[in-house]
Protein backbone atom coordinates (compact mmCIF):
# COMPACT_ATOMS: atom_id res chain seq x y z
CA MET A 1 -118.92 28.16 -69.94
CA LEU A 2 -121.49 30.48 -71.21
CA ASN A 3 -119.76 34.22 -72.28
CA VAL A 4 -122.37 36.47 -71.24
CA GLY A 5 -123.14 39.18 -73.69
CA PHE A 6 -125.70 42.05 -73.81
CA ASP A 7 -128.35 39.56 -75.69
CA ASP A 8 -128.12 36.66 -73.33
CA TRP A 9 -128.13 38.48 -69.91
CA PRO A 10 -129.06 35.62 -67.55
CA TYR A 11 -129.40 37.24 -64.56
CA PRO A 12 -132.54 38.25 -62.26
CA ALA A 13 -133.79 41.64 -61.74
CA PHE A 14 -133.28 41.72 -58.14
CA VAL A 15 -130.15 40.70 -56.06
CA ALA A 16 -129.19 40.59 -52.43
CA HIS A 17 -126.71 42.61 -51.23
CA ARG A 18 -124.00 41.16 -49.15
CA GLY A 19 -126.36 38.11 -48.81
CA ALA A 20 -129.02 40.03 -47.08
CA GLY A 21 -126.86 41.73 -44.86
CA LEU A 22 -129.18 43.89 -42.64
CA LEU A 23 -131.44 40.78 -41.56
CA ALA A 24 -128.28 38.55 -40.92
CA PRO A 25 -124.68 39.00 -40.60
CA GLU A 26 -123.31 40.51 -44.01
CA ASN A 27 -121.22 38.34 -46.12
CA THR A 28 -122.12 35.18 -44.46
CA LEU A 29 -124.11 31.98 -45.66
CA ALA A 30 -126.63 32.99 -42.81
CA ALA A 31 -127.32 36.02 -44.71
CA MET A 32 -127.64 34.28 -48.04
CA ARG A 33 -130.13 31.96 -46.23
CA ALA A 34 -132.36 34.82 -45.22
CA GLY A 35 -132.11 36.23 -48.54
CA PHE A 36 -133.24 33.11 -49.94
CA ASP A 37 -136.10 32.79 -47.43
CA HIS A 38 -137.39 36.31 -48.84
CA GLY A 39 -137.34 34.92 -52.61
CA TYR A 40 -133.80 36.03 -53.72
CA ARG A 41 -131.99 33.85 -55.97
CA MET A 42 -128.71 36.10 -56.48
CA PHE A 43 -126.26 37.22 -53.99
CA GLU A 44 -123.74 39.63 -54.16
CA PHE A 45 -120.88 39.32 -51.79
CA ASP A 46 -117.50 40.43 -51.30
CA ALA A 47 -114.04 38.23 -51.75
CA LYS A 48 -110.97 39.16 -50.70
CA LEU A 49 -107.74 36.75 -50.05
CA SER A 50 -106.61 35.55 -46.78
CA GLY A 51 -102.58 36.41 -45.89
CA ASP A 52 -102.06 32.88 -46.83
CA GLY A 53 -104.05 33.13 -50.37
CA VAL A 54 -107.23 31.80 -49.67
CA ALA A 55 -110.26 33.32 -51.09
CA MET A 56 -112.92 34.31 -48.42
CA LEU A 57 -115.80 36.75 -47.90
CA MET A 58 -115.41 40.03 -46.02
CA HIS A 59 -115.98 43.62 -46.85
CA ASP A 60 -113.26 45.63 -44.79
CA ALA A 61 -109.70 45.38 -44.89
CA VAL A 62 -109.45 44.83 -41.37
CA VAL A 63 -112.00 42.54 -39.07
CA GLU A 64 -112.97 44.30 -36.07
CA ARG A 65 -116.60 45.67 -37.28
CA THR A 66 -117.68 41.91 -38.34
CA THR A 67 -115.93 39.64 -36.12
CA ASN A 68 -114.97 39.24 -32.66
CA GLY A 69 -111.22 39.69 -33.81
CA SER A 70 -108.78 42.43 -34.77
CA GLY A 71 -106.25 43.00 -37.24
CA ARG A 72 -105.61 43.15 -40.84
CA VAL A 73 -107.27 40.55 -43.10
CA ALA A 74 -103.98 40.44 -45.17
CA GLY A 75 -102.09 39.84 -41.94
CA MET A 76 -103.86 36.76 -41.00
CA SER A 77 -103.83 33.24 -42.14
CA TRP A 78 -107.09 31.45 -43.22
CA GLY A 79 -106.83 29.22 -39.87
CA GLU A 80 -106.97 32.51 -37.75
CA LEU A 81 -109.70 33.86 -39.99
CA ALA A 82 -111.83 30.43 -39.56
CA ARG A 83 -111.85 30.38 -36.07
CA LEU A 84 -113.38 34.01 -35.67
CA ASP A 85 -117.04 34.68 -35.03
CA ALA A 86 -118.76 36.58 -37.55
CA GLY A 87 -122.02 36.44 -36.40
CA SER A 88 -122.33 37.80 -32.63
CA TRP A 89 -121.96 41.41 -33.80
CA HIS A 90 -125.12 41.15 -35.47
CA SER A 91 -127.19 39.57 -32.92
CA ALA A 92 -127.14 36.59 -30.43
CA ARG A 93 -129.02 34.55 -32.82
CA TYR A 94 -126.00 34.68 -35.25
CA ALA A 95 -123.21 33.88 -32.44
CA GLY A 96 -120.65 31.58 -33.90
CA GLU A 97 -121.42 32.18 -37.55
CA PRO A 98 -118.25 31.27 -39.18
CA VAL A 99 -116.36 33.70 -42.00
CA PRO A 100 -117.06 31.41 -45.34
CA THR A 101 -114.92 30.64 -48.03
CA LEU A 102 -115.60 31.37 -51.46
CA ALA A 103 -115.44 27.60 -51.88
CA ARG A 104 -118.05 26.91 -49.09
CA VAL A 105 -120.38 29.83 -50.62
CA ALA A 106 -120.12 28.54 -54.23
CA ARG A 107 -121.29 25.05 -53.12
CA TRP A 108 -124.25 26.29 -51.33
CA LEU A 109 -125.42 28.75 -54.23
CA ARG A 110 -124.84 25.81 -56.86
CA ALA A 111 -126.68 23.57 -54.46
CA ASN A 112 -129.66 25.64 -54.30
CA ASP A 113 -129.63 27.15 -57.88
CA CYS A 114 -128.47 30.25 -57.00
CA LEU A 115 -126.37 32.94 -59.03
CA ALA A 116 -123.45 35.13 -57.75
CA ASN A 117 -122.36 38.61 -58.40
CA ILE A 118 -118.75 38.46 -56.80
CA GLU A 119 -117.52 41.98 -55.86
CA ILE A 120 -113.56 41.39 -55.93
CA LYS A 121 -112.60 43.35 -52.90
CA PRO A 122 -108.83 43.38 -52.48
CA CYS A 123 -106.83 44.42 -49.19
CA PRO A 124 -104.74 47.68 -49.92
CA GLY A 125 -101.72 46.70 -52.35
CA ARG A 126 -103.34 43.38 -53.28
CA GLU A 127 -105.49 44.55 -56.09
CA ALA A 128 -104.02 42.57 -59.20
CA GLU A 129 -103.00 39.44 -56.95
CA THR A 130 -106.48 39.02 -55.73
CA GLY A 131 -108.13 39.90 -58.92
CA ALA A 132 -106.52 37.22 -60.68
CA ALA A 133 -107.11 34.78 -57.68
CA VAL A 134 -110.79 35.10 -57.18
CA ALA A 135 -111.19 34.84 -61.00
CA ILE A 136 -109.38 31.62 -61.34
CA GLU A 137 -111.07 30.31 -58.43
CA ALA A 138 -114.41 31.49 -59.69
CA LEU A 139 -113.56 29.72 -63.12
CA LEU A 140 -112.95 26.40 -61.47
CA LEU A 141 -115.74 26.55 -58.73
CA TRP A 142 -118.33 27.50 -61.66
CA ARG A 143 -116.59 25.50 -64.20
CA ASP A 144 -119.67 23.12 -65.55
CA ALA A 145 -122.36 26.11 -64.41
CA GLU A 146 -124.78 27.06 -67.38
CA VAL A 147 -124.58 30.80 -66.04
CA PRO A 148 -121.10 31.74 -64.60
CA PRO A 149 -120.75 34.38 -61.60
CA LEU A 150 -120.51 37.96 -62.50
CA LEU A 151 -117.28 39.60 -61.31
CA SER A 152 -117.50 43.19 -60.40
CA SER A 153 -115.22 45.70 -58.61
CA PHE A 154 -114.02 49.04 -57.95
CA SER A 155 -110.29 48.35 -58.59
CA GLU A 156 -109.77 48.57 -62.16
CA ALA A 157 -106.45 46.73 -61.65
CA ALA A 158 -108.37 43.76 -59.82
CA LEU A 159 -110.63 43.62 -62.89
CA GLU A 160 -108.02 43.94 -65.59
CA ALA A 161 -106.17 40.86 -63.56
CA ALA A 162 -109.37 38.98 -63.61
CA ARG A 163 -110.19 39.68 -67.50
CA LYS A 164 -106.40 38.44 -68.28
CA VAL A 165 -106.62 34.98 -66.35
CA ALA A 166 -110.55 34.53 -67.02
CA PRO A 167 -111.49 36.38 -70.22
CA GLY A 168 -114.77 34.51 -70.29
CA LEU A 169 -116.16 35.46 -66.79
CA PRO A 170 -118.34 38.44 -67.18
CA ARG A 171 -117.32 41.91 -65.66
CA ALA A 172 -119.34 44.84 -64.31
CA LEU A 173 -117.12 48.11 -63.23
CA LEU A 174 -118.36 49.46 -59.83
CA LEU A 175 -118.64 53.09 -59.90
CA GLY A 176 -119.50 55.64 -57.08
CA GLU A 177 -119.18 58.60 -59.17
CA LEU A 178 -119.57 58.74 -62.97
CA ALA A 179 -116.93 60.86 -64.59
CA ALA A 180 -116.82 61.79 -68.11
CA ASP A 181 -114.67 58.67 -69.08
CA TRP A 182 -116.85 55.90 -67.51
CA LEU A 183 -117.63 54.16 -70.60
CA ASP A 184 -114.04 54.17 -71.81
CA ARG A 185 -113.23 52.47 -68.53
CA CYS A 186 -116.03 49.81 -68.99
CA ARG A 187 -114.88 49.14 -72.47
CA ALA A 188 -110.71 49.09 -71.89
CA LEU A 189 -111.84 46.31 -69.30
CA GLU A 190 -114.49 44.62 -71.94
CA CYS A 191 -116.92 44.64 -69.17
CA VAL A 192 -120.53 43.59 -70.10
CA ALA A 193 -122.20 46.00 -67.42
CA LEU A 194 -121.79 49.13 -65.30
CA ASP A 195 -122.47 49.01 -61.50
CA ALA A 196 -123.02 52.26 -60.26
CA SER A 197 -124.65 53.96 -57.25
CA HIS A 198 -128.09 54.82 -57.42
CA ARG A 199 -127.71 58.28 -56.58
CA VAL A 200 -125.37 58.84 -59.77
CA LEU A 201 -128.05 56.88 -62.25
CA ASP A 202 -130.64 58.35 -64.31
CA SER A 203 -132.65 57.56 -67.32
CA ALA A 204 -130.19 59.21 -69.75
CA THR A 205 -127.16 57.43 -68.20
CA ILE A 206 -128.73 53.93 -68.23
CA ALA A 207 -129.62 54.93 -71.93
CA ALA A 208 -126.36 55.75 -72.89
CA ALA A 209 -125.17 52.60 -71.52
CA LYS A 210 -127.84 50.56 -73.11
CA ALA A 211 -126.88 51.96 -76.50
CA ALA A 212 -123.06 51.06 -75.85
CA GLY A 213 -124.11 47.58 -75.50
CA LEU A 214 -123.71 47.67 -71.90
CA ARG A 215 -125.99 46.45 -69.05
CA VAL A 216 -126.47 48.35 -65.87
CA LEU A 217 -126.66 47.18 -62.23
CA SER A 218 -126.99 49.83 -59.14
CA TYR A 219 -126.30 49.63 -55.73
CA THR A 220 -127.49 49.71 -52.83
CA ILE A 221 -131.14 50.56 -53.57
CA ASN A 222 -133.27 50.26 -50.23
CA GLU A 223 -136.14 52.64 -51.15
CA PRO A 224 -138.88 50.43 -53.33
CA ALA A 225 -139.88 53.67 -54.78
CA ARG A 226 -136.58 54.01 -55.99
CA ALA A 227 -136.11 50.75 -57.17
CA VAL A 228 -139.63 50.99 -59.12
CA GLU A 229 -138.01 54.39 -60.83
CA LEU A 230 -134.96 52.85 -62.13
CA ARG A 231 -136.44 49.87 -63.34
CA ALA A 232 -138.84 52.01 -65.24
CA ALA A 233 -135.81 53.69 -66.58
CA GLY A 234 -134.24 50.29 -67.74
CA LEU A 235 -132.13 49.14 -64.92
CA ASP A 236 -131.22 45.62 -65.47
CA CYS A 237 -130.14 44.59 -61.67
CA VAL A 238 -131.44 46.14 -58.20
CA ILE A 239 -128.98 45.52 -55.41
CA THR A 240 -130.61 45.89 -52.33
CA ASP A 241 -130.25 45.42 -48.25
CA ALA A 242 -134.02 45.92 -48.21
CA VAL A 243 -134.76 41.94 -49.01
CA ASP A 244 -137.84 42.39 -46.52
CA LEU A 245 -139.36 45.31 -48.43
CA ILE A 246 -138.43 44.82 -52.15
CA VAL A 247 -139.69 42.05 -53.32
CA PRO A 248 -138.01 40.04 -56.35
CA GLY A 249 -140.21 39.94 -59.64
CA ASP A 250 -142.17 43.62 -58.53
């Protein structure tokens, strides 16, 4: 498997956030198909563990916002989660859309020559467990892939666990704010990239990251003008919900 470094960055400049999580229900295959139809070939999505340890896609620690169920993800088995409707909350068109497993998403992505940014999104108290489990599964699901998935997380414990079990998978530290030690934290986790909110990025920060050998991604850029501005400043990847407004390649 490719060990991604600064000089061989294989990822496209535009990444669909949570699939295409505004046009279709987020973190579902329906959302990824919508992004694909708008020309996107890399998808960011959230992965966590069910109560019985199955890697699956969902942002929240509870299921109320994006399904017809109720309760904690960590308190539900995969069998219970698989029976939920993860589409009706968005619109009637997507009624019955299931919560997908990481394995199912990997099969679809690879069959369609698409790439993945897996955000490790652990339920509270399961940071290291989730980081290790998701990384091991990603290693297996993409074991013969030319381009591996990029792992990212706000949880440094999750990224450290992922580093230990799958050191060859590239990692990015997610940050909503840039404290003075942001570069040291990226280095400690042996990250290949910084993934920061666009609200805290500017040309000087991007240049500092590049000088340190890091690539730079930014979420969630939904204004085309902001995407153009940060790309001109050297941003490597725009992560966006606005797949119908920001055209890949622009």
